[in-house]
PDB file of all heavy atoms in Angstrom:
ATOM      1  N   GLN A   1     -92.161  58.960 -68.550  1.00  0.00           N
ATOM      2  CA  GLN A   1     -92.142  59.021 -70.007  1.00  0.00           C
ATOM      3  C   GLN A   1     -93.506  58.597 -70.575  1.00  0.00           C
ATOM      4  O   GLN A   1     -93.895  57.439 -70.460  1.00  0.00           O
ATOM      5  CB  GLN A   1     -91.040  58.116 -70.574  1.00  0.00           C
ATOM      6  CG  GLN A   1     -89.685  58.301 -69.933  1.00  0.00           C
ATOM      7  CD  GLN A   1     -89.223  59.744 -69.917  1.00  0.00           C
ATOM      8  OE1 GLN A   1     -89.164  60.398 -70.964  1.00  0.00           O
ATOM      9  NE2 GLN A   1     -88.869  60.238 -68.737  1.00  0.00           N
ATOM     10  N   ALA A   2     -94.206  59.524 -71.187  1.00  0.00           N
ATOM     11  CA  ALA A   2     -95.560  59.245 -71.664  1.00  0.00           C
ATOM     12  C   ALA A   2     -95.593  58.226 -72.794  1.00  0.00           C
ATOM     13  O   ALA A   2     -96.626  57.594 -73.036  1.00  0.00           O
ATOM     14  CB  ALA A   2     -96.225  60.546 -72.115  1.00  0.00           C
ATOM     15  N   ASP A   3     -94.479  58.048 -73.502  1.00  0.00           N
ATOM     16  CA  ASP A   3     -94.493  57.152 -74.658  1.00  0.00           C
ATOM     17  C   ASP A   3     -93.869  55.782 -74.355  1.00  0.00           C
ATOM     18  O   ASP A   3     -93.604  55.005 -75.266  1.00  0.00           O
ATOM     19  CB  ASP A   3     -93.779  57.782 -75.845  1.00  0.00           C
ATOM     20  CG  ASP A   3     -92.347  58.202 -75.524  1.00  0.00           C
ATOM     21  OD1 ASP A   3     -91.993  58.236 -74.331  1.00  0.00           O
ATOM     22  OD2 ASP A   3     -91.596  58.494 -76.466  1.00  0.00           O
ATOM     23  N   LEU A   4     -93.648  55.482 -73.074  1.00  0.00           N
ATOM     24  CA  LEU A   4     -93.130  54.174 -72.695  1.00  0.00           C
ATOM     25  C   LEU A   4     -94.177  53.430 -71.873  1.00  0.00           C
ATOM     26  O   LEU A   4     -94.693  53.962 -70.883  1.00  0.00           O
ATOM     27  CB  LEU A   4     -91.842  54.304 -71.874  1.00  0.00           C
ATOM     28  CG  LEU A   4     -90.633  54.932 -72.563  1.00  0.00           C
ATOM     29  CD1 LEU A   4     -89.442  54.960 -71.612  1.00  0.00           C
ATOM     30  CD2 LEU A   4     -90.274  54.174 -73.845  1.00  0.00           C
ATOM     31  N   TYR A   5     -94.467  52.204 -72.277  1.00  0.00           N
ATOM     32  CA  TYR A   5     -95.397  51.338 -71.555  1.00  0.00           C
ATOM     33  C   TYR A   5     -94.563  50.344 -70.752  1.00  0.00           C
ATOM     34  O   TYR A   5     -93.655  49.697 -71.286  1.00  0.00           O
ATOM     35  CB  TYR A   5     -96.299  50.609 -72.556  1.00  0.00           C
ATOM     36  CG  TYR A   5     -97.141  49.497 -71.969  1.00  0.00           C
ATOM     37  CD1 TYR A   5     -98.369  49.783 -71.370  1.00  0.00           C
ATOM     38  CD2 TYR A   5     -96.715  48.178 -72.030  1.00  0.00           C
ATOM     39  CE1 TYR A   5     -99.148  48.762 -70.854  1.00  0.00           C
ATOM     40  CE2 TYR A   5     -97.495  47.148 -71.513  1.00  0.00           C
ATOM     41  CZ  TYR A   5     -98.708  47.450 -70.918  1.00  0.00           C
ATOM     42  OH  TYR A   5     -99.478  46.440 -70.412  1.00  0.00           O
ATOM     43  N   CYS A   6     -94.842  50.198 -69.466  1.00  0.00           N
ATOM     44  CA  CYS A   6     -94.012  49.364 -68.599  1.00  0.00           C
ATOM     45  C   CYS A   6     -94.852  48.336 -67.851  1.00  0.00           C
ATOM     46  O   CYS A   6     -95.893  48.668 -67.267  1.00  0.00           O
ATOM     47  CB  CYS A   6     -93.268  50.240 -67.591  1.00  0.00           C
ATOM     48  SG  CYS A   6     -92.179  49.318 -66.461  1.00  0.00           S
ATOM     49  N   GLU A   7     -94.400  47.083 -67.881  1.00  0.00           N
ATOM     50  CA  GLU A   7     -95.009  46.011 -67.098  1.00  0.00           C
ATOM     51  C   GLU A   7     -94.004  45.537 -66.052  1.00  0.00           C
ATOM     52  O   GLU A   7     -92.823  45.338 -66.355  1.00  0.00           O
ATOM     53  CB  GLU A   7     -95.410  44.832 -67.981  1.00  0.00           C
ATOM     54  CG  GLU A   7     -96.531  45.174 -68.952  1.00  0.00           C
ATOM     55  CD  GLU A   7     -96.904  44.022 -69.865  1.00  0.00           C
ATOM     56  OE1 GLU A   7     -96.143  43.033 -69.947  1.00  0.00           O
ATOM     57  OE2 GLU A   7     -97.966  44.107 -70.512  1.00  0.00           O
ATOM     58  N   THR A   8     -94.476  45.325 -64.831  1.00  0.00           N
ATOM     59  CA  THR A   8     -93.653  44.840 -63.731  1.00  0.00           C
ATOM     60  C   THR A   8     -94.116  43.441 -63.349  1.00  0.00           C
ATOM     61  O   THR A   8     -95.280  43.250 -62.982  1.00  0.00           O
ATOM     62  CB  THR A   8     -93.758  45.773 -62.511  1.00  0.00           C
ATOM     63  OG1 THR A   8     -93.352  47.098 -62.883  1.00  0.00           O
ATOM     64  CG2 THR A   8     -92.892  45.277 -61.369  1.00  0.00           C
ATOM     65  N   TYR A   9     -93.216  42.470 -63.460  1.00  0.00           N
ATOM     66  CA  TYR A   9     -93.558  41.069 -63.212  1.00  0.00           C
ATOM     67  C   TYR A   9     -93.093  40.657 -61.815  1.00  0.00           C
ATOM     68  O   TYR A   9     -91.909  40.697 -61.509  1.00  0.00           O
ATOM     69  CB  TYR A   9     -92.886  40.171 -64.250  1.00  0.00           C
ATOM     70  CG  TYR A   9     -93.450  40.304 -65.650  1.00  0.00           C
ATOM     71  CD1 TYR A   9     -93.220  41.448 -66.412  1.00  0.00           C
ATOM     72  CD2 TYR A   9     -94.194  39.276 -66.221  1.00  0.00           C
ATOM     73  CE1 TYR A   9     -93.734  41.571 -67.693  1.00  0.00           C
ATOM     74  CE2 TYR A   9     -94.711  39.381 -67.505  1.00  0.00           C
ATOM     75  CZ  TYR A   9     -94.473  40.532 -68.233  1.00  0.00           C
ATOM     76  OH  TYR A   9     -94.985  40.651 -69.505  1.00  0.00           O
ATOM     77  N   THR A  10     -94.049  40.243 -60.978  1.00  0.00           N
ATOM     78  CA  THR A  10     -93.741  39.775 -59.627  1.00  0.00           C
ATOM     79  C   THR A  10     -94.273  38.349 -59.502  1.00  0.00           C
ATOM     80  O   THR A  10     -95.334  38.121 -58.947  1.00  0.00           O
ATOM     81  CB  THR A  10     -94.388  40.663 -58.553  1.00  0.00           C
ATOM     82  OG1 THR A  10     -95.803  40.586 -58.680  1.00  0.00           O
ATOM     83  CG2 THR A  10     -93.946  42.110 -58.704  1.00  0.00           C
ATOM     84  N   GLY A  11     -93.540  37.394 -60.043  1.00  0.00           N
ATOM     85  CA  GLY A  11     -94.031  36.016 -60.043  1.00  0.00           C
ATOM     86  C   GLY A  11     -95.150  35.872 -61.045  1.00  0.00           C
ATOM     87  O   GLY A  11     -94.972  36.141 -62.233  1.00  0.00           O
ATOM     88  N   ASP A  12     -96.348  35.488 -60.588  1.00  0.00           N
ATOM     89  CA  ASP A  12     -97.465  35.279 -61.489  1.00  0.00           C
ATOM     90  C   ASP A  12     -98.351  36.501 -61.654  1.00  0.00           C
ATOM     91  O   ASP A  12     -99.406  36.429 -62.291  1.00  0.00           O
ATOM     92  CB  ASP A  12     -98.327  34.099 -61.007  1.00  0.00           C
ATOM     93  CG  ASP A  12     -97.858  32.779 -61.598  1.00  0.00           C
ATOM     94  OD1 ASP A  12     -96.999  32.812 -62.505  1.00  0.00           O
ATOM     95  OD2 ASP A  12     -98.342  31.726 -61.156  1.00  0.00           O
ATOM     96  N   THR A  13     -97.968  37.625 -61.088  1.00  0.00           N
ATOM     97  CA  THR A  13     -98.755  38.844 -61.238  1.00  0.00           C
ATOM     98  C   THR A  13     -97.967  39.865 -62.048  1.00  0.00           C
ATOM     99  O   THR A  13     -96.793  40.105 -61.789  1.00  0.00           O
ATOM    100  CB  THR A  13     -99.120  39.446 -59.865  1.00  0.00           C
ATOM    101  OG1 THR A  13     -99.798  38.455 -59.085  1.00  0.00           O
ATOM    102  CG2 THR A  13    -100.041  40.647 -60.041  1.00  0.00           C
ATOM    103  N   VAL A  14     -98.645  40.431 -63.048  1.00  0.00           N
ATOM    104  CA  VAL A  14     -98.039  41.454 -63.902  1.00  0.00           C
ATOM    105  C   VAL A  14     -98.765  42.763 -63.628  1.00  0.00           C
ATOM    106  O   VAL A  14     -99.975  42.868 -63.833  1.00  0.00           O
ATOM    107  CB  VAL A  14     -98.164  41.085 -65.392  1.00  0.00           C
ATOM    108  CG1 VAL A  14     -97.440  42.120 -66.252  1.00  0.00           C
ATOM    109  CG2 VAL A  14     -97.612  39.688 -65.650  1.00  0.00           C
ATOM    110  N   TYR A  15     -98.038  43.760 -63.144  1.00  0.00           N
ATOM    111  CA  TYR A  15     -98.640  45.032 -62.758  1.00  0.00           C
ATOM    112  C   TYR A  15     -98.375  46.114 -63.804  1.00  0.00           C
ATOM    113  O   TYR A  15     -97.288  46.207 -64.356  1.00  0.00           O
ATOM    114  CB  TYR A  15     -98.077  45.505 -61.420  1.00  0.00           C
ATOM    115  CG  TYR A  15     -98.514  44.677 -60.238  1.00  0.00           C
ATOM    116  CD1 TYR A  15     -97.673  43.684 -59.722  1.00  0.00           C
ATOM    117  CD2 TYR A  15     -99.751  44.879 -59.633  1.00  0.00           C
ATOM    118  CE1 TYR A  15     -98.063  42.919 -58.631  1.00  0.00           C
ATOM    119  CE2 TYR A  15    -100.145  44.124 -58.545  1.00  0.00           C
ATOM    120  CZ  TYR A  15     -99.305  43.141 -58.041  1.00  0.00           C
ATOM    121  OH  TYR A  15     -99.689  42.373 -56.966  1.00  0.00           O
ATOM    122  N   VAL A  16     -99.408  46.933 -64.024  1.00  0.00           N
ATOM    123  CA  VAL A  16     -99.312  48.074 -64.935  1.00  0.00           C
ATOM    124  C   VAL A  16    -100.024  49.242 -64.281  1.00  0.00           C
ATOM    125  O   VAL A  16    -101.116  49.080 -63.717  1.00  0.00           O
ATOM    126  CB  VAL A  16     -99.963  47.762 -66.300  1.00  0.00           C
ATOM    127  CG1 VAL A  16     -99.995  49.017 -67.183  1.00  0.00           C
ATOM    128  CG2 VAL A  16     -99.220  46.644 -67.007  1.00  0.00           C
ATOM    129  N   GLY A  17     -99.416  50.426 -64.357  1.00  0.00           N
ATOM    130  CA  GLY A  17    -100.081  51.622 -63.863  1.00  0.00           C
ATOM    131  C   GLY A  17    -101.241  51.990 -64.780  1.00  0.00           C
ATOM    132  O   GLY A  17    -101.132  51.887 -66.002  1.00  0.00           O
ATOM    133  N   LEU A  18    -102.350  52.411 -64.214  1.00  0.00           N
ATOM    134  CA  LEU A  18    -103.530  52.730 -65.026  1.00  0.00           C
ATOM    135  C   LEU A  18    -103.237  53.801 -66.060  1.00  0.00           C
ATOM    136  O   LEU A  18    -103.794  53.778 -67.161  1.00  0.00           O
ATOM    137  CB  LEU A  18    -104.678  53.185 -64.118  1.00  0.00           C
ATOM    138  CG  LEU A  18    -105.497  52.070 -63.465  1.00  0.00           C
ATOM    139  CD1 LEU A  18    -106.472  52.652 -62.461  1.00  0.00           C
ATOM    140  CD2 LEU A  18    -106.242  51.270 -64.530  1.00  0.00           C
ATOM    141  N   HIS A  19    -102.362  54.741 -65.752  1.00  0.00           N
ATOM    142  CA  HIS A  19    -102.043  55.798 -66.708  1.00  0.00           C
ATOM    143  C   HIS A  19    -101.427  55.210 -67.978  1.00  0.00           C
ATOM    144  O   HIS A  19    -101.659  55.708 -69.081  1.00  0.00           O
ATOM    145  CB  HIS A  19    -101.078  56.804 -66.088  1.00  0.00           C
ATOM    146  CG  HIS A  19     -99.697  56.271 -65.890  1.00  0.00           C
ATOM    147  ND1 HIS A  19     -99.391  55.327 -64.931  1.00  0.00           N
ATOM    148  CD2 HIS A  19     -98.530  56.534 -66.543  1.00  0.00           C
ATOM    149  CE1 HIS A  19     -98.108  55.038 -64.998  1.00  0.00           C
ATOM    150  NE2 HIS A  19     -97.549  55.761 -65.963  1.00  0.00           N
ATOM    151  N   ASN A  20    -100.666  54.111 -67.842  1.00  0.00           N
ATOM    152  CA  ASN A  20    -100.043  53.474 -68.993  1.00  0.00           C
ATOM    153  C   ASN A  20    -101.093  52.902 -69.938  1.00  0.00           C
ATOM    154  O   ASN A  20    -101.013  53.065 -71.158  1.00  0.00           O
ATOM    155  CB  ASN A  20     -99.120  52.349 -68.549  1.00  0.00           C
ATOM    156  CG  ASN A  20     -97.647  52.708 -68.641  1.00  0.00           C
ATOM    157  OD1 ASN A  20     -96.799  51.918 -68.305  1.00  0.00           O
ATOM    158  ND2 ASN A  20     -97.335  53.909 -69.101  1.00  0.00           N
ATOM    159  N   ARG A  21    -102.072  52.214 -69.392  1.00  0.00           N
ATOM    160  CA  ARG A  21    -103.107  51.603 -70.238  1.00  0.00           C
ATOM    161  C   ARG A  21    -103.854  52.685 -71.010  1.00  0.00           C
ATOM    162  O   ARG A  21    -104.085  52.558 -72.215  1.00  0.00           O
ATOM    163  CB  ARG A  21    -104.087  50.806 -69.374  1.00  0.00           C
ATOM    164  CG  ARG A  21    -105.279  50.241 -70.155  1.00  0.00           C
ATOM    165  CD  ARG A  21    -105.002  48.847 -70.630  1.00  0.00           C
ATOM    166  NE  ARG A  21    -105.980  48.405 -71.631  1.00  0.00           N
ATOM    167  CZ  ARG A  21    -106.242  47.126 -71.874  1.00  0.00           C
ATOM    168  NH1 ARG A  21    -105.609  46.177 -71.210  1.00  0.00           N
ATOM    169  NH2 ARG A  21    -107.107  46.774 -72.796  1.00  0.00           N
ATOM    170  N   ALA A  22    -104.232  53.738 -70.326  1.00  0.00           N
ATOM    171  CA  ALA A  22    -104.967  54.815 -70.989  1.00  0.00           C
ATOM    172  C   ALA A  22    -104.147  55.443 -72.108  1.00  0.00           C
ATOM    173  O   ALA A  22    -104.657  55.719 -73.195  1.00  0.00           O
ATOM    174  CB  ALA A  22    -105.376  55.869 -69.961  1.00  0.00           C
ATOM    175  N   GLN A  23    -102.866  55.666 -71.837  1.00  0.00           N
ATOM    176  CA  GLN A  23    -101.994  56.278 -72.843  1.00  0.00           C
ATOM    177  C   GLN A  23    -101.909  55.407 -74.096  1.00  0.00           C
ATOM    178  O   GLN A  23    -102.003  55.905 -75.225  1.00  0.00           O
ATOM    179  CB  GLN A  23    -100.593  56.473 -72.270  1.00  0.00           C
ATOM    180  CG  GLN A  23    -100.488  57.569 -71.229  1.00  0.00           C
ATOM    181  CD  GLN A  23     -99.160  57.515 -70.506  1.00  0.00           C
ATOM    182  OE1 GLN A  23     -98.423  56.543 -70.598  1.00  0.00           O
ATOM    183  NE2 GLN A  23     -98.856  58.561 -69.753  1.00  0.00           N
ATOM    184  N   TRP A  24    -101.731  54.117 -73.898  1.00  0.00           N
ATOM    185  CA  TRP A  24    -101.518  53.231 -75.032  1.00  0.00           C
ATOM    186  C   TRP A  24    -102.787  52.956 -75.815  1.00  0.00           C
ATOM    187  O   TRP A  24    -102.758  52.841 -77.035  1.00  0.00           O
ATOM    188  CB  TRP A  24    -100.868  51.935 -74.560  1.00  0.00           C
ATOM    189  CG  TRP A  24     -99.419  52.183 -74.358  1.00  0.00           C
ATOM    190  CD1 TRP A  24     -98.799  52.622 -73.237  1.00  0.00           C
ATOM    191  CD2 TRP A  24     -98.409  52.110 -75.361  1.00  0.00           C
ATOM    192  NE1 TRP A  24     -97.458  52.813 -73.463  1.00  0.00           N
ATOM    193  CE2 TRP A  24     -97.189  52.500 -74.753  1.00  0.00           C
ATOM    194  CE3 TRP A  24     -98.414  51.736 -76.702  1.00  0.00           C
ATOM    195  CZ2 TRP A  24     -95.989  52.528 -75.444  1.00  0.00           C
ATOM    196  CZ3 TRP A  24     -97.209  51.757 -77.385  1.00  0.00           C
ATOM    197  CH2 TRP A  24     -96.021  52.165 -76.766  1.00  0.00           C
ATOM    198  N   GLU A  25    -103.915  52.886 -75.147  1.00  0.00           N
ATOM    199  CA  GLU A  25    -105.169  52.702 -75.869  1.00  0.00           C
ATOM    200  C   GLU A  25    -105.483  53.946 -76.694  1.00  0.00           C
ATOM    201  O   GLU A  25    -105.988  53.852 -77.817  1.00  0.00           O
ATOM    202  CB  GLU A  25    -106.305  52.390 -74.895  1.00  0.00           C
ATOM    203  CG  GLU A  25    -106.216  50.981 -74.324  1.00  0.00           C
ATOM    204  CD  GLU A  25    -107.384  50.649 -73.425  1.00  0.00           C
ATOM    205  OE1 GLU A  25    -107.953  51.580 -72.831  1.00  0.00           O
ATOM    206  OE2 GLU A  25    -107.715  49.458 -73.317  1.00  0.00           O
ATOM    207  N   ALA A  26    -105.186  55.116 -76.149  1.00  0.00           N
ATOM    208  CA  ALA A  26    -105.408  56.358 -76.887  1.00  0.00           C
ATOM    209  C   ALA A  26    -104.510  56.400 -78.113  1.00  0.00           C
ATOM    210  O   ALA A  26    -104.937  56.786 -79.209  1.00  0.00           O
ATOM    211  CB  ALA A  26    -105.156  57.562 -75.986  1.00  0.00           C
ATOM    212  N   LEU A  27    -103.258  56.001 -77.948  1.00  0.00           N
ATOM    213  CA  LEU A  27    -102.316  55.987 -79.070  1.00  0.00           C
ATOM    214  C   LEU A  27    -102.791  55.043 -80.163  1.00  0.00           C
ATOM    215  O   LEU A  27    -102.780  55.387 -81.347  1.00  0.00           O
ATOM    216  CB  LEU A  27    -100.935  55.558 -78.581  1.00  0.00           C
ATOM    217  CG  LEU A  27     -99.862  55.410 -79.666  1.00  0.00           C
ATOM    218  CD1 LEU A  27     -99.571  56.744 -80.311  1.00  0.00           C
ATOM    219  CD2 LEU A  27     -98.586  54.823 -79.070  1.00  0.00           C
ATOM    220  N   ALA A  28    -103.235  53.861 -79.777  1.00  0.00           N
ATOM    221  CA  ALA A  28    -103.700  52.879 -80.758  1.00  0.00           C
ATOM    222  C   ALA A  28    -104.915  53.398 -81.503  1.00  0.00           C
ATOM    223  O   ALA A  28    -105.045  53.210 -82.720  1.00  0.00           O
ATOM    224  CB  ALA A  28    -104.029  51.569 -80.066  1.00  0.00           C
ATOM    225  N   SER A  29    -105.810  54.057 -80.789  1.00  0.00           N
ATOM    226  CA  SER A  29    -107.020  54.587 -81.411  1.00  0.00           C
ATOM    227  C   SER A  29    -106.695  55.713 -82.388  1.00  0.00           C
ATOM    228  O   SER A  29    -107.210  55.751 -83.508  1.00  0.00           O
ATOM    229  CB  SER A  29    -107.974  55.092 -80.325  1.00  0.00           C
ATOM    230  OG  SER A  29    -109.123  55.666 -80.902  1.00  0.00           O
ATOM    231  N   GLU A  30    -105.814  56.627 -81.981  1.00  0.00           N
ATOM    232  CA  GLU A  30    -105.456  57.768 -82.813  1.00  0.00           C
ATOM    233  C   GLU A  30    -104.770  57.337 -84.108  1.00  0.00           C
ATOM    234  O   GLU A  30    -104.949  57.942 -85.157  1.00  0.00           O
ATOM    235  CB  GLU A  30    -104.521  58.704 -82.042  1.00  0.00           C
ATOM    236  CG  GLU A  30    -105.189  59.425 -80.892  1.00  0.00           C
ATOM    237  CD  GLU A  30    -104.182  60.149 -80.020  1.00  0.00           C
ATOM    238  OE1 GLU A  30    -102.992  60.189 -80.400  1.00  0.00           O
ATOM    239  OE2 GLU A  30    -104.572  60.662 -78.957  1.00  0.00           O
ATOM    240  N   MET A  31    -103.978  56.254 -84.044  1.00  0.00           N
ATOM    241  CA  MET A  31    -103.177  55.852 -85.186  1.00  0.00           C
ATOM    242  C   MET A  31    -103.746  54.647 -85.936  1.00  0.00           C
ATOM    243  O   MET A  31    -103.099  54.100 -86.818  1.00  0.00           O
ATOM    244  CB  MET A  31    -101.751  55.544 -84.725  1.00  0.00           C
ATOM    245  CG  MET A  31    -101.068  56.712 -84.039  1.00  0.00           C
ATOM    246  SD  MET A  31     -99.337  56.378 -83.647  1.00  0.00           S
ATOM    247  CE  MET A  31     -98.616  56.355 -85.300  1.00  0.00           C
ATOM    248  N   ALA A  32    -104.952  54.229 -85.580  1.00  0.00           N
ATOM    249  CA  ALA A  32    -105.531  53.011 -86.157  1.00  0.00           C
ATOM    250  C   ALA A  32    -105.607  53.060 -87.679  1.00  0.00           C
ATOM    251  O   ALA A  32    -105.329  52.071 -88.359  1.00  0.00           O
ATOM    252  CB  ALA A  32    -106.915  52.767 -85.575  1.00  0.00           C
ATOM    253  N   GLU A  33    -105.956  54.223 -88.229  1.00  0.00           N
ATOM    254  CA  GLU A  33    -106.090  54.326 -89.685  1.00  0.00           C
ATOM    255  C   GLU A  33    -104.752  54.643 -90.345  1.00  0.00           C
ATOM    256  O   GLU A  33    -104.385  54.040 -91.350  1.00  0.00           O
ATOM    257  CB  GLU A  33    -107.126  55.395 -90.033  1.00  0.00           C
ATOM    258  CG  GLU A  33    -108.548  55.017 -89.643  1.00  0.00           C
ATOM    259  CD  GLU A  33    -109.560  56.033 -90.139  1.00  0.00           C
ATOM    260  OE1 GLU A  33    -109.176  56.908 -90.958  1.00  0.00           O
ATOM    261  OE2 GLU A  33    -110.726  55.952 -89.717  1.00  0.00           O
ATOM    262  N   ALA A  34    -104.016  55.568 -89.771  1.00  0.00           N
ATOM    263  CA  ALA A  34    -102.753  55.987 -90.384  1.00  0.00           C
ATOM    264  C   ALA A  34    -101.682  54.906 -90.268  1.00  0.00           C
ATOM    265  O   ALA A  34    -100.872  54.724 -91.177  1.00  0.00           O
ATOM    266  CB  ALA A  34    -102.264  57.281 -89.738  1.00  0.00           C
ATOM    267  N   ALA A  35    -101.690  54.180 -89.152  1.00  0.00           N
ATOM    268  CA  ALA A  35    -100.661  53.145 -88.922  1.00  0.00           C
ATOM    269  C   ALA A  35    -101.307  51.953 -88.212  1.00  0.00           C
ATOM    270  O   ALA A  35    -101.171  51.796 -87.000  1.00  0.00           O
ATOM    271  CB  ALA A  35     -99.514  53.714 -88.098  1.00  0.00           C
ATOM    272  N   PRO A  36    -102.032  51.115 -88.955  1.00  0.00           N
ATOM    273  CA  PRO A  36    -102.744  49.989 -88.332  1.00  0.00           C
ATOM    274  C   PRO A  36    -101.830  49.024 -87.592  1.00  0.00           C
ATOM    275  O   PRO A  36    -102.265  48.336 -86.674  1.00  0.00           O
ATOM    276  CB  PRO A  36    -103.428  49.304 -89.519  1.00  0.00           C
ATOM    277  CG  PRO A  36    -102.716  49.794 -90.740  1.00  0.00           C
ATOM    278  CD  PRO A  36    -102.262  51.174 -90.411  1.00  0.00           C
TER     279      PRO A  36
END
């Protein structure tokens, strides 16, 4: 799901797939003015 960001917690390490970070940063950038 391209619109879901997921974090996996394994004790003290939190893992995220690189594709998730890219998707969410792009979303934040695109909507920064319209929806801060």
